Protein backbone atom coordinates (compact mmCIF):
# COMPACT_ATOMS: atom_id res chain seq x y z
CA MET A 1 22.58 -5.88 -15.46
CA ALA A 2 22.67 -5.80 -11.64
CA GLN A 3 21.44 -8.61 -9.56
CA TYR A 4 19.60 -8.25 -6.21
CA GLN A 5 18.43 -10.72 -3.50
CA ILE A 6 15.02 -10.77 -1.98
CA THR A 7 13.52 -12.97 0.64
CA ASN A 8 10.21 -13.89 2.02
CA ARG A 9 11.06 -12.37 5.39
CA PRO A 10 8.47 -9.55 6.24
CA ALA A 11 9.75 -6.07 5.87
CA PRO A 12 7.98 -2.54 5.89
CA ILE A 13 7.07 -1.24 2.53
CA ASP A 14 9.48 1.67 1.41
CA PHE A 15 7.04 4.39 0.22
CA GLU A 16 9.94 6.66 -0.57
CA CYS A 17 11.21 4.81 -3.54
CA ASN A 18 8.58 6.17 -5.97
CA ASN A 19 11.15 8.04 -8.03
CA ASP A 20 13.61 5.12 -8.40
CA ILE A 21 12.12 2.55 -10.90
CA ILE A 22 14.62 -0.09 -9.96
CA LEU A 23 13.86 -0.03 -6.25
CA ARG A 24 10.26 0.10 -6.97
CA THR A 25 10.70 -3.09 -9.19
CA ILE A 26 12.57 -4.90 -6.68
CA GLN A 27 9.81 -4.11 -3.98
CA ASN A 28 7.33 -5.41 -6.47
CA ALA A 29 9.17 -8.63 -6.70
CA LYS A 30 9.38 -8.98 -3.00
CA ASN A 31 5.78 -8.36 -2.60
CA LEU A 32 4.93 -11.17 -5.17
CA LEU A 33 7.13 -13.55 -3.29
CA MET A 34 5.40 -12.67 -0.03
CA CYS A 35 2.01 -13.12 -1.34
CA ARG A 36 0.47 -16.47 -1.04
CA MET A 37 -1.60 -18.05 -3.81
CA GLY A 38 -5.28 -17.51 -3.20
CA GLU A 39 -4.91 -14.14 -1.35
CA VAL A 40 -5.61 -11.82 -4.28
CA PRO A 41 -9.29 -11.64 -5.25
CA TYR A 42 -10.00 -12.21 -9.01
CA ASP A 43 -6.42 -13.39 -9.43
CA ARG A 44 -6.06 -16.66 -7.31
CA TYR A 45 -3.12 -17.79 -9.05
CA ARG A 46 -0.88 -14.94 -8.07
CA GLY A 47 1.67 -15.64 -5.21
CA PHE A 48 3.67 -18.54 -3.94
CA ASP A 49 1.70 -21.87 -3.59
CA PRO A 50 1.41 -22.53 0.10
CA ALA A 51 1.50 -26.23 -0.52
CA PHE A 52 5.29 -25.99 -1.22
CA TYR A 53 5.81 -25.17 2.55
CA GLU A 54 4.76 -28.71 3.44
CA LEU A 55 7.41 -30.34 1.34
CA PRO A 56 10.64 -31.70 2.73
CA LEU A 57 13.46 -28.98 2.20
CA PRO A 58 15.20 -30.97 -0.57
CA GLU A 59 12.01 -31.41 -2.56
CA LEU A 60 11.29 -27.79 -2.16
CA GLN A 61 14.61 -26.84 -3.26
CA GLU A 62 14.13 -28.92 -6.41
CA LYS A 63 10.69 -27.33 -7.22
CA LEU A 64 11.56 -23.68 -6.27
CA LEU A 65 12.91 -22.27 -9.29
CA PRO A 66 10.00 -23.19 -11.60
CA GLU A 67 7.65 -21.76 -8.76
CA LEU A 68 9.66 -18.63 -8.53
CA ASP A 69 9.57 -18.07 -12.39
CA ARG A 70 5.91 -18.52 -12.36
CA ILE A 71 5.45 -15.97 -9.58
CA MET A 72 7.56 -13.39 -11.32
CA LEU A 73 5.49 -13.54 -14.49
CA TRP A 74 3.48 -10.75 -12.79
CA GLU A 75 6.61 -8.53 -12.77
CA PRO A 76 7.97 -8.62 -16.35
CA ASP A 77 10.93 -6.49 -15.53
CA VAL A 78 12.34 -9.30 -13.41
CA GLU A 79 14.11 -12.55 -14.07
CA ILE A 80 15.06 -15.17 -11.65
CA VAL A 81 18.61 -16.09 -11.61
CA ASP A 82 18.77 -18.42 -8.50
CA GLY A 83 16.65 -19.40 -5.61
CA GLU A 84 17.25 -21.30 -2.40
CA CYS A 85 15.42 -22.23 0.86
CA ALA A 86 16.17 -22.91 4.28
CA MET A 87 14.72 -23.26 7.61
CA ASP A 88 15.31 -20.57 10.36
CA GLU A 89 15.62 -21.18 14.09
CA ASN A 90 11.94 -20.56 14.52
CA GLY A 91 11.09 -23.58 11.90
CA ASP A 92 10.02 -21.01 9.21
CA ILE A 93 11.09 -21.55 5.60
CA ILE A 94 13.08 -18.71 4.23
CA ILE A 95 13.14 -18.29 0.59
CA THR A 96 16.01 -16.30 -1.01
CA ALA A 97 15.73 -15.32 -4.58
CA THR A 98 18.40 -13.71 -6.65
CA ILE A 99 16.73 -11.54 -9.25
CA GLU A 100 17.97 -9.46 -12.17
CA VAL A 101 16.13 -6.32 -13.10
CA THR A 102 15.91 -5.98 -16.88
CA ILE A 103 15.29 -2.12 -16.81
CA ASP A 104 18.30 -0.14 -17.97
CA GLU A 105 19.68 1.71 -14.89
């Protein structure tokens, strides 16, 4: 199965991927990664826990994979393969997740 990388960097939603189930699944996974816990009414546990952004980078890296696994529970066709975090030039934490889409292509 193919692996893809997603990040928490903002990007426009691609409304043209409606017919491609793989692209739509990747976009769903990215949307889950960009969502912060507490933003979704009636589903306050969906999204990335913003408390993790306050941790030092080594500690965040250590706790990142379990958090990514928890987030992707809402997208059953995605499995987390790897995850890493880094700080960009603006001081923002960039999370990069390698995912595997379990839908047959």
